[in-house]
Amino acid sequence: MSSRKSKSNSLIHAECLSQVQRFLRERFCRQSSHSNLFGVQVQYKHLIELLKRTAIHGESNSVLIIGPRGSGKTMLINHALKELMQIEEVNENILQVHLNGLLQINDKIALKEITRQLNLENVVGDKVFGSFAENLSFLLEALKKGNRTSSCPVIFILDEFDLFAHHKNQTLLYNLFDISQSAQTPVAVIGLTCRLDILELLEKRVKSRFSHRQIHLMNSFGFPQYLKIFKEQLSLPAEFPDKLFAEKWNENIQCLSEDRSIRDILQKHFNVSKNLRSLHMLLMLALNRVTASHPFMTTADLMEASQLCSMDSKANVVHGLSVLEICLIIAMKHLNDIHEEEPFNFQMVYNEFQKFVQRKAHSIYNFEKPVVMKAFEHLQQLELIKPMERTPINAQKEYQLMKLLLDNTQIMNALQKYPNCPTDVRQWATSSLSWL
């Protein structure tokens, strides 16, 4: 009886943990509506006021949201739109068009997407338009219900805005900004970009029609706020189904946030990158270690997650190379030391390798030149070396100039962890350091 009871308890426990992981993963992936805005309240207030003026008062606007990747540009606009849609008079009278520069690679595709999102395929039908402007103005005309105040406002959100600036003649941007300046359909054009020089990319005629409003997101919070974000992101809300477990979980998170070693890990992350995307990656990796037998997050989990986050991917690639490929990388390292980072070719690397083989003939097999060439090409495929310039059609592969994409520290660290590395090879790698 007792074993059956403990089994049912463990099932309930596992189900509860599954809910915790699902809830927190949604939050880390920015898919949860419960995620909070951090350090961007002023920018949020500016943006929501601008959108309300378009949605309620029929006033056209344009604005650029500028900030590095992971700074929360998309989350900011999503929160603003969510709040806007909760206003009763706005909810049924506003249209949203979401475009992305990575998907809509030219104005023709963008126009088709605008037509689809505005549900105007039937209205356009087989009509032939003389120009892009005519087509776009026809689409917006179809949305009109009378004068300016009773027209249906449209909010255009252009993600990867800088890519739209590379479209031919910037026709889409010109027409959208032109409409936002005129007394036609109320339109709000919101561009999201990570480029600070975005205005330099715009043509003069486009720039003159843009309102020059810019909202900058620069992650301006300090470490105490970062620590608070860490605690908030891992805490479970009051409405979580299992109140008792949520209380225990939150107590554990509070203890973790006060732990000295956890603060050191977070300080290191904060110094490298303040963006919340890297913090979410760290927390996601730590959350993956939580199981029914290990229900609460520990310092060890976060330490291991931190090591995984800071792991050198190129050094990991080196661990999977053959001894011959390792020898070629060491030969390149010596050439870099001797010629002070000058580019090298296959023949130089092969000669250096041959010198080593002649000295250590008893421990290293002397491979044929085509085999060595194959290993060299494999290193190029793995992007551990790269050609300096485009190869002419008649150039010999042996003499194409290359550059090593690993530094000495990465090579030495990878060799320390390389399984069953021959002693002679390891000694050869350290030999040139004696004269530096």
Protein backbone atom coordinates (compact mmCIF):
# COMPACT_ATOMS: atom_id res chain seq x y z
CA MET A 1 0.00 0.00 0.00
CA SER A 2 2.79 2.41 1.03
CA SER A 3 4.76 1.66 -2.18
CA ARG A 4 1.64 2.44 -4.27
CA LYS A 5 1.18 5.72 -2.37
CA SER A 6 4.83 6.76 -2.86
CA LYS A 7 4.53 5.90 -6.55
CA SER A 8 1.46 8.16 -6.96
CA ASN A 9 3.28 10.94 -5.05
CA SER A 10 6.28 10.69 -7.36
CA LEU A 11 3.94 10.88 -10.38
CA ILE A 12 2.32 14.04 -8.99
CA HIS A 13 5.83 15.43 -8.32
CA ALA A 14 6.95 14.66 -11.89
CA GLU A 15 3.80 16.28 -13.33
CA CYS A 16 4.39 19.38 -11.19
CA LEU A 17 8.02 19.63 -12.40
CA SER A 18 6.84 19.25 -15.98
CA GLN A 19 4.53 22.26 -15.47
CA VAL A 20 7.39 24.26 -13.92
CA GLN A 21 9.70 23.51 -16.85
CA ARG A 22 7.02 24.31 -19.44
CA PHE A 23 6.15 27.61 -17.73
CA LEU A 24 9.77 28.75 -17.32
CA ARG A 25 10.80 27.68 -20.85
CA GLU A 26 7.95 29.73 -22.30
CA ARG A 27 9.16 32.69 -20.26
CA PHE A 28 12.81 32.25 -21.34
CA CYS A 29 11.79 31.97 -25.00
CA ARG A 30 9.74 35.19 -24.66
CA GLN A 31 6.54 33.31 -25.52
CA SER A 32 4.90 33.88 -22.16
CA SER A 33 2.52 36.78 -21.64
CA HIS A 34 3.72 36.96 -18.01
CA SER A 35 7.27 38.10 -18.95
CA ASN A 36 8.12 41.54 -17.56
CA LEU A 37 9.89 44.50 -19.13
CA PHE A 38 13.19 45.41 -17.46
CA GLY A 39 14.80 48.86 -17.57
CA VAL A 40 12.75 50.11 -20.56
CA GLN A 41 9.74 51.72 -18.84
CA VAL A 42 10.46 55.20 -20.28
CA GLN A 43 10.76 53.82 -23.83
CA TYR A 44 7.60 51.74 -23.33
CA LYS A 45 5.62 54.81 -22.22
CA HIS A 46 6.83 56.73 -25.31
CA LEU A 47 5.86 53.89 -27.68
CA ILE A 48 2.41 53.19 -26.19
CA GLU A 49 1.49 56.90 -26.33
CA LEU A 50 2.51 57.01 -29.99
CA LEU A 51 0.40 53.93 -30.83
CA LYS A 52 -2.61 55.28 -28.92
CA ARG A 53 -2.45 58.53 -30.92
CA THR A 54 -2.68 56.48 -34.13
CA ALA A 55 -5.29 53.99 -32.93
CA ILE A 56 -7.62 56.38 -31.06
CA HIS A 57 -7.07 59.84 -32.62
CA GLY A 58 -6.24 58.76 -36.20
CA GLU A 59 -2.82 60.45 -36.16
CA SER A 60 -0.15 58.95 -38.45
CA ASN A 61 3.32 58.36 -36.98
CA SER A 62 6.66 56.73 -37.73
CA VAL A 63 9.35 55.60 -35.29
CA LEU A 64 12.53 53.49 -35.20
CA ILE A 65 13.32 51.20 -32.24
CA ILE A 66 17.11 50.78 -32.16
CA GLY A 67 19.09 48.44 -29.92
CA PRO A 68 21.52 45.49 -29.96
CA ARG A 69 20.25 41.94 -30.53
CA GLY A 70 18.62 40.52 -27.40
CA SER A 71 17.91 43.97 -25.90
CA GLY A 72 14.11 43.41 -26.00
CA LYS A 73 12.93 45.35 -29.09
CA THR A 74 10.42 42.68 -30.15
CA MET A 75 9.24 42.16 -26.57
CA LEU A 76 8.71 45.93 -26.17
CA ILE A 77 6.50 46.18 -29.28
CA ASN A 78 4.60 42.98 -28.37
CA HIS A 79 3.81 44.32 -24.88
CA ALA A 80 2.69 47.67 -26.34
CA LEU A 81 0.42 45.97 -28.92
CA LYS A 82 -1.03 43.68 -26.22
CA GLU A 83 -1.93 46.68 -24.03
CA LEU A 84 -3.35 48.52 -27.06
CA MET A 85 -5.61 45.59 -28.02
CA GLN A 86 -7.09 45.54 -24.50
CA ILE A 87 -8.68 48.96 -25.13
CA GLU A 88 -12.26 48.22 -26.21
CA GLU A 89 -12.61 51.00 -28.81
CA VAL A 90 -9.31 49.96 -30.46
CA ASN A 91 -9.65 46.18 -30.45
CA GLU A 92 -12.01 45.80 -33.41
CA ASN A 93 -10.89 48.87 -35.36
CA ILE A 94 -7.14 48.36 -35.84
CA LEU A 95 -5.11 46.28 -38.29
CA GLN A 96 -1.55 45.02 -37.84
CA VAL A 97 0.92 44.17 -40.61
CA HIS A 98 4.13 42.37 -39.55
CA LEU A 99 6.96 42.31 -42.09
CA ASN A 100 10.48 40.94 -41.72
CA GLY A 101 13.46 41.95 -43.86
CA LEU A 102 14.76 38.37 -43.81
CA LEU A 103 11.51 37.02 -45.31
CA GLN A 104 10.26 39.85 -47.54
CA ILE A 105 13.45 40.22 -49.57
CA ASN A 106 11.95 42.56 -52.18
CA ASP A 107 9.05 45.01 -52.44
CA LYS A 108 6.94 42.69 -54.61
CA ILE A 109 6.96 39.95 -51.94
CA ALA A 110 6.35 42.59 -49.23
CA LEU A 111 3.29 43.92 -51.10
CA LYS A 112 1.85 40.39 -51.46
CA GLU A 113 2.34 39.86 -47.72
CA ILE A 114 0.63 43.19 -46.91
CA THR A 115 -2.31 42.16 -49.13
CA ARG A 116 -2.53 38.77 -47.39
CA GLN A 117 -2.36 40.19 -43.85
CA LEU A 118 -5.00 42.84 -44.63
CA ASN A 119 -7.24 40.10 -46.11
CA LEU A 120 -7.57 41.99 -49.40
CA GLU A 121 -6.72 39.22 -51.91
CA ASN A 122 -10.33 39.21 -53.18
CA VAL A 123 -10.39 43.00 -53.58
CA VAL A 124 -7.13 43.07 -55.59
CA GLY A 125 -8.10 40.05 -57.71
CA ASP A 126 -6.60 40.30 -61.23
CA LYS A 127 -6.23 44.10 -61.24
CA VAL A 128 -3.10 45.47 -62.96
CA PHE A 129 -1.42 48.49 -61.35
CA GLY A 130 0.90 50.98 -62.99
CA SER A 131 3.21 51.41 -60.00
CA PHE A 132 3.95 50.19 -56.49
CA ALA A 133 2.52 53.43 -54.99
CA GLU A 134 -0.76 52.95 -56.91
CA ASN A 135 -1.06 49.36 -55.64
CA LEU A 136 -0.37 50.32 -52.00
CA SER A 137 -2.71 53.34 -52.05
CA PHE A 138 -5.46 51.09 -53.55
CA LEU A 139 -5.00 48.63 -50.66
CA LEU A 140 -5.31 51.39 -48.07
CA GLU A 141 -8.24 52.98 -49.94
CA ALA A 142 -10.07 49.64 -49.66
CA LEU A 143 -9.86 49.93 -45.86
CA LYS A 144 -11.48 53.39 -45.71
CA LYS A 145 -14.88 53.77 -44.15
CA GLY A 146 -15.35 57.50 -44.73
CA ASN A 147 -13.30 60.43 -43.47
CA ARG A 148 -9.90 60.31 -41.73
CA THR A 149 -11.31 59.82 -38.24
CA SER A 150 -13.40 56.79 -39.18
CA SER A 151 -10.74 55.14 -41.38
CA CYS A 152 -9.31 51.90 -40.09
CA PRO A 153 -5.80 52.59 -38.60
CA VAL A 154 -3.00 50.28 -39.78
CA ILE A 155 0.17 49.56 -37.78
CA PHE A 156 3.13 48.39 -39.87
CA ILE A 157 5.89 46.62 -37.88
CA LEU A 158 9.07 46.20 -39.95
CA ASP A 159 11.53 43.81 -38.27
CA GLU A 160 15.14 43.89 -39.57
CA PHE A 161 14.31 47.37 -40.89
CA ASP A 162 17.84 47.92 -42.25
CA LEU A 163 17.31 45.11 -44.81
CA PHE A 164 14.33 46.99 -46.30
CA ALA A 165 16.70 49.91 -46.93
CA HIS A 166 18.61 47.65 -49.39
CA HIS A 167 15.51 47.13 -51.58
CA LYS A 168 15.62 48.74 -55.03
CA ASN A 169 14.89 52.51 -54.76
CA GLN A 170 13.54 51.91 -51.21
CA THR A 171 10.04 52.06 -52.77
CA LEU A 172 8.23 50.36 -49.87
CA LEU A 173 9.79 52.63 -47.22
CA TYR A 174 9.19 55.75 -49.36
CA ASN A 175 5.48 54.97 -49.81
CA LEU A 176 4.88 53.97 -46.19
CA PHE A 177 6.56 57.13 -44.84
CA ASP A 178 4.79 59.23 -47.49
CA ILE A 179 1.38 57.92 -46.31
CA SER A 180 2.36 58.51 -42.66
CA GLN A 181 3.10 62.19 -43.53
CA SER A 182 -0.13 62.77 -45.49
CA ALA A 183 -3.74 63.02 -44.29
CA GLN A 184 -4.75 59.66 -45.76
CA THR A 185 -5.47 56.46 -43.81
CA PRO A 186 -4.01 56.68 -40.25
CA VAL A 187 -0.77 54.67 -40.36
CA ALA A 188 1.97 53.94 -37.77
CA VAL A 189 5.25 52.67 -39.23
CA ILE A 190 7.50 51.04 -36.60
CA GLY A 191 10.96 49.87 -37.64
CA LEU A 192 13.09 47.52 -35.50
CA THR A 193 16.83 47.46 -36.16
CA CYS A 194 20.17 46.86 -34.43
CA ARG A 195 22.07 49.33 -36.65
CA LEU A 196 22.89 52.71 -35.14
CA ASP A 197 23.73 54.16 -38.58
CA ILE A 198 20.29 53.29 -40.00
CA LEU A 199 19.47 56.88 -41.08
CA GLU A 200 22.63 56.92 -43.22
CA LEU A 201 21.19 54.01 -45.24
CA LEU A 202 18.01 55.90 -46.15
CA GLU A 203 17.75 57.86 -49.39
CA LYS A 204 17.25 61.62 -49.13
CA ARG A 205 13.59 61.46 -50.28
CA VAL A 206 12.84 58.67 -47.76
CA LYS A 207 14.65 60.44 -44.92
CA SER A 208 12.71 63.67 -45.56
CA ARG A 209 9.40 61.81 -45.04
CA PHE A 210 10.51 60.05 -41.85
CA SER A 211 9.54 61.72 -38.54
CA HIS A 212 13.09 61.11 -37.10
CA ARG A 213 11.62 59.69 -33.89
CA GLN A 214 14.01 57.11 -32.42
CA ILE A 215 13.65 54.92 -29.33
CA HIS A 216 16.97 53.48 -28.11
CA LEU A 217 17.23 50.31 -26.00
CA MET A 218 20.70 49.96 -24.52
CA ASN A 219 20.30 47.66 -21.45
CA SER A 220 21.21 50.47 -19.06
CA PHE A 221 20.62 48.50 -15.82
CA GLY A 222 23.40 47.69 -13.30
CA PHE A 223 24.36 44.40 -11.60
CA PRO A 224 21.87 44.72 -8.64
CA GLN A 225 19.02 45.02 -11.19
CA TYR A 226 20.53 42.06 -13.16
CA LEU A 227 20.45 39.97 -9.96
CA LYS A 228 16.83 40.99 -9.40
CA ILE A 229 15.99 39.94 -13.00
CA PHE A 230 17.66 36.54 -12.37
CA LYS A 231 15.43 36.02 -9.31
CA GLU A 232 12.24 37.20 -11.06
CA GLN A 233 12.87 35.06 -14.16
CA LEU A 234 13.21 31.85 -12.09
CA SER A 235 10.41 32.56 -9.60
CA LEU A 236 6.99 30.94 -10.00
CA PRO A 237 3.87 33.18 -9.88
CA ALA A 238 1.24 33.14 -7.13
CA GLU A 239 -1.31 31.57 -9.51
CA PHE A 240 0.84 28.42 -10.03
CA PRO A 241 -1.43 25.31 -9.45
CA ASP A 242 0.69 23.66 -6.73
CA LYS A 243 1.02 26.45 -4.12
CA LEU A 244 3.18 24.43 -1.70
CA PHE A 245 5.72 23.44 -4.35
CA ALA A 246 5.82 27.02 -5.75
CA GLU A 247 6.60 28.32 -2.25
CA LYS A 248 9.47 25.83 -1.79
CA TRP A 249 10.80 26.55 -5.31
CA ASN A 250 10.79 30.33 -4.71
CA GLU A 251 12.53 29.91 -1.33
CA ASN A 252 15.25 27.88 -3.09
CA ILE A 253 15.65 30.58 -5.76
CA GLN A 254 15.93 33.24 -3.02
CA CYS A 255 18.74 31.20 -1.37
CA LEU A 256 20.50 30.81 -4.74
CA SER A 257 20.40 34.56 -5.41
CA GLU A 258 22.13 35.16 -2.04
CA ASP A 259 24.83 32.51 -2.69
CA ARG A 260 28.30 34.04 -3.22
CA SER A 261 29.37 31.57 -5.95
CA ILE A 262 26.11 32.18 -7.90
CA ARG A 263 26.74 35.94 -7.71
CA ASP A 264 30.24 35.36 -9.13
CA ILE A 265 28.80 33.36 -12.07
CA LEU A 266 26.20 36.08 -12.77
CA GLN A 267 28.82 38.85 -12.44
CA LYS A 268 30.96 37.08 -15.06
CA HIS A 269 27.96 36.78 -17.40
CA PHE A 270 27.00 40.40 -16.76
CA ASN A 271 30.54 41.58 -17.61
CA VAL A 272 30.54 39.62 -20.89
CA SER A 273 27.02 40.50 -22.06
CA LYS A 274 24.19 42.40 -20.39
CA ASN A 275 21.57 41.14 -22.83
CA LEU A 276 18.85 38.97 -21.31
CA ARG A 277 19.07 36.40 -24.12
CA SER A 278 22.42 35.10 -22.77
CA LEU A 279 20.96 35.03 -19.22
CA HIS A 280 17.96 33.04 -20.50
CA MET A 281 20.33 30.57 -22.21
CA LEU A 282 22.19 30.06 -18.90
CA LEU A 283 18.93 29.51 -16.99
CA MET A 284 17.55 27.19 -19.69
CA LEU A 285 20.63 24.93 -19.45
CA ALA A 286 20.38 24.87 -15.64
CA LEU A 287 16.64 24.11 -15.82
CA ASN A 288 17.32 21.07 -18.04
CA ARG A 289 19.07 19.39 -15.08
CA VAL A 290 15.95 19.55 -12.87
CA THR A 291 14.29 16.10 -12.66
CA ALA A 292 11.93 14.20 -10.33
CA SER A 293 14.95 12.83 -8.40
CA HIS A 294 16.59 16.30 -8.39
CA PRO A 295 13.59 18.66 -8.07
CA PHE A 296 15.32 21.92 -7.11
CA MET A 297 18.01 23.92 -8.91
CA THR A 298 21.43 23.94 -7.20
CA THR A 299 24.65 25.95 -7.41
CA ALA A 300 26.31 22.99 -9.22
CA ASP A 301 23.62 23.12 -11.96
CA LEU A 302 24.28 26.80 -12.63
CA MET A 303 28.06 26.26 -12.56
CA GLU A 304 27.82 23.50 -15.15
CA ALA A 305 25.45 25.61 -17.28
CA SER A 306 27.93 28.50 -17.10
CA GLN A 307 30.76 26.23 -18.31
CA LEU A 308 28.58 25.04 -21.23
CA CYS A 309 27.76 28.68 -22.15
CA SER A 310 31.41 29.75 -22.12
CA MET A 311 32.67 26.63 -23.91
CA ASP A 312 34.93 27.29 -26.90
CA SER A 313 33.24 25.63 -29.90
CA LYS A 314 36.42 25.64 -32.04
CA ALA A 315 38.44 23.95 -29.29
CA ASN A 316 35.71 21.26 -29.18
CA VAL A 317 36.14 20.70 -32.94
CA VAL A 318 39.90 20.17 -32.38
CA HIS A 319 39.12 17.32 -29.92
CA GLY A 320 37.58 15.33 -32.79
CA LEU A 321 40.50 15.69 -35.23
CA SER A 322 42.92 12.94 -36.25
CA VAL A 323 46.58 13.03 -35.08
CA LEU A 324 47.67 14.04 -38.62
CA GLU A 325 45.26 17.03 -38.60
CA ILE A 326 46.51 18.02 -35.13
CA CYS A 327 50.10 17.89 -36.48
CA LEU A 328 49.14 20.20 -39.38
CA ILE A 329 47.57 22.72 -36.95
CA ILE A 330 50.76 22.67 -34.85
CA ALA A 331 52.83 23.21 -38.04
CA MET A 332 50.63 26.23 -38.87
CA LYS A 333 51.07 27.51 -35.30
CA HIS A 334 54.88 27.36 -35.70
CA LEU A 335 54.68 29.17 -39.06
CA ASN A 336 52.57 31.90 -37.40
CA ASP A 337 55.13 32.24 -34.59
CA ILE A 338 58.07 32.41 -37.02
CA HIS A 339 56.50 34.69 -39.66
CA GLU A 340 54.45 36.80 -37.20
CA GLU A 341 50.91 35.88 -38.34
CA GLU A 342 51.74 36.10 -42.06
CA PRO A 343 49.56 33.85 -44.29
CA PHE A 344 50.90 30.43 -45.29
CA ASN A 345 50.19 27.82 -47.99
CA PHE A 346 49.91 24.02 -47.97
CA GLN A 347 53.49 23.52 -49.22
CA MET A 348 54.93 25.51 -46.27
CA VAL A 349 52.81 23.50 -43.79
CA TYR A 350 53.82 20.21 -45.47
CA ASN A 351 57.55 21.12 -45.29
CA GLU A 352 57.20 21.96 -41.58
CA PHE A 353 55.41 18.64 -40.97
CA GLN A 354 58.14 16.75 -42.87
CA LYS A 355 60.85 18.28 -40.64
CA PHE A 356 58.99 16.99 -37.57
CA VAL A 357 58.49 13.50 -39.10
CA GLN A 358 62.23 13.23 -39.91
CA ARG A 359 63.13 14.12 -36.32
CA LYS A 360 60.56 11.71 -34.81
CA ALA A 361 60.44 8.96 -37.45
CA HIS A 362 60.11 6.27 -34.76
CA SER A 363 56.79 7.64 -33.36
CA ILE A 364 55.01 9.40 -36.25
CA TYR A 365 53.99 7.69 -39.50
CA ASN A 366 55.16 9.49 -42.66
CA PHE A 367 51.91 10.01 -44.61
CA GLU A 368 51.84 10.38 -48.39
CA LYS A 369 51.45 13.95 -49.68
CA PRO A 370 47.89 13.40 -51.14
CA VAL A 371 46.76 12.09 -47.72
CA VAL A 372 48.20 15.18 -46.01
CA MET A 373 46.47 17.36 -48.64
CA LYS A 374 43.14 15.65 -47.87
CA ALA A 375 43.61 16.37 -44.13
CA PHE A 376 44.46 20.01 -44.97
CA GLU A 377 41.25 20.34 -47.04
CA HIS A 378 39.26 18.82 -44.16
CA LEU A 379 40.56 21.56 -41.84
CA GLN A 380 39.34 24.12 -44.38
CA GLN A 381 35.87 22.49 -44.47
CA LEU A 382 35.73 22.69 -40.65
CA GLU A 383 36.57 26.42 -40.97
CA LEU A 384 39.68 26.12 -38.79
CA ILE A 385 41.63 27.68 -41.67
CA LYS A 386 40.36 30.00 -44.40
CA PRO A 387 41.73 31.19 -47.77
CA MET A 388 42.98 34.78 -47.89
CA GLU A 389 41.56 35.53 -51.33
CA ARG A 390 39.55 33.97 -54.15
CA THR A 391 41.54 31.32 -55.96
CA PRO A 392 42.24 32.00 -59.66
CA ILE A 393 41.06 29.16 -61.95
CA ASN A 394 44.60 28.14 -62.95
CA ALA A 395 46.16 28.44 -59.43
CA GLN A 396 47.58 25.34 -57.76
CA LYS A 397 45.90 24.34 -54.49
CA GLU A 398 49.27 23.82 -52.78
CA TYR A 399 50.17 27.51 -53.11
CA GLN A 400 46.88 29.15 -52.11
CA LEU A 401 47.46 31.47 -49.14
CA MET A 402 45.64 30.50 -45.95
CA LYS A 403 45.09 31.91 -42.45
CA LEU A 404 44.70 29.93 -39.20
CA LEU A 405 41.50 30.78 -37.27
CA LEU A 406 42.77 29.42 -33.92
CA ASP A 407 45.07 31.28 -31.53
CA ASN A 408 47.91 29.66 -29.54
CA THR A 409 45.90 29.49 -26.29
CA GLN A 410 43.03 27.63 -27.98
CA ILE A 411 45.46 25.13 -29.55
CA MET A 412 47.30 24.46 -26.26
CA ASN A 413 44.06 24.10 -24.25
CA ALA A 414 42.63 21.70 -26.86
CA LEU A 415 45.83 19.60 -26.79
CA GLN A 416 45.65 19.28 -22.99
CA LYS A 417 42.21 17.67 -23.34
CA TYR A 418 42.94 15.72 -26.55
CA PRO A 419 42.45 11.97 -25.85
CA ASN A 420 45.60 9.79 -26.25
CA CYS A 421 47.69 12.57 -27.81
CA PRO A 422 51.23 11.25 -28.58
CA THR A 423 53.83 12.75 -26.21
CA ASP A 424 56.10 13.80 -29.11
CA VAL A 425 53.25 15.78 -30.72
CA ARG A 426 52.50 17.56 -27.43
CA GLN A 427 56.21 18.38 -26.95
CA TRP A 428 56.43 19.68 -30.53
CA ALA A 429 53.50 22.05 -29.85
CA THR A 430 55.27 23.57 -26.80
CA SER A 431 58.77 23.60 -28.33
CA SER A 432 58.55 27.00 -30.04
CA LEU A 433 57.27 28.73 -26.91
CA SER A 434 60.72 28.57 -25.29
CA TRP A 435 62.20 31.28 -27.55
CA LEU A 436 59.16 33.66 -27.38
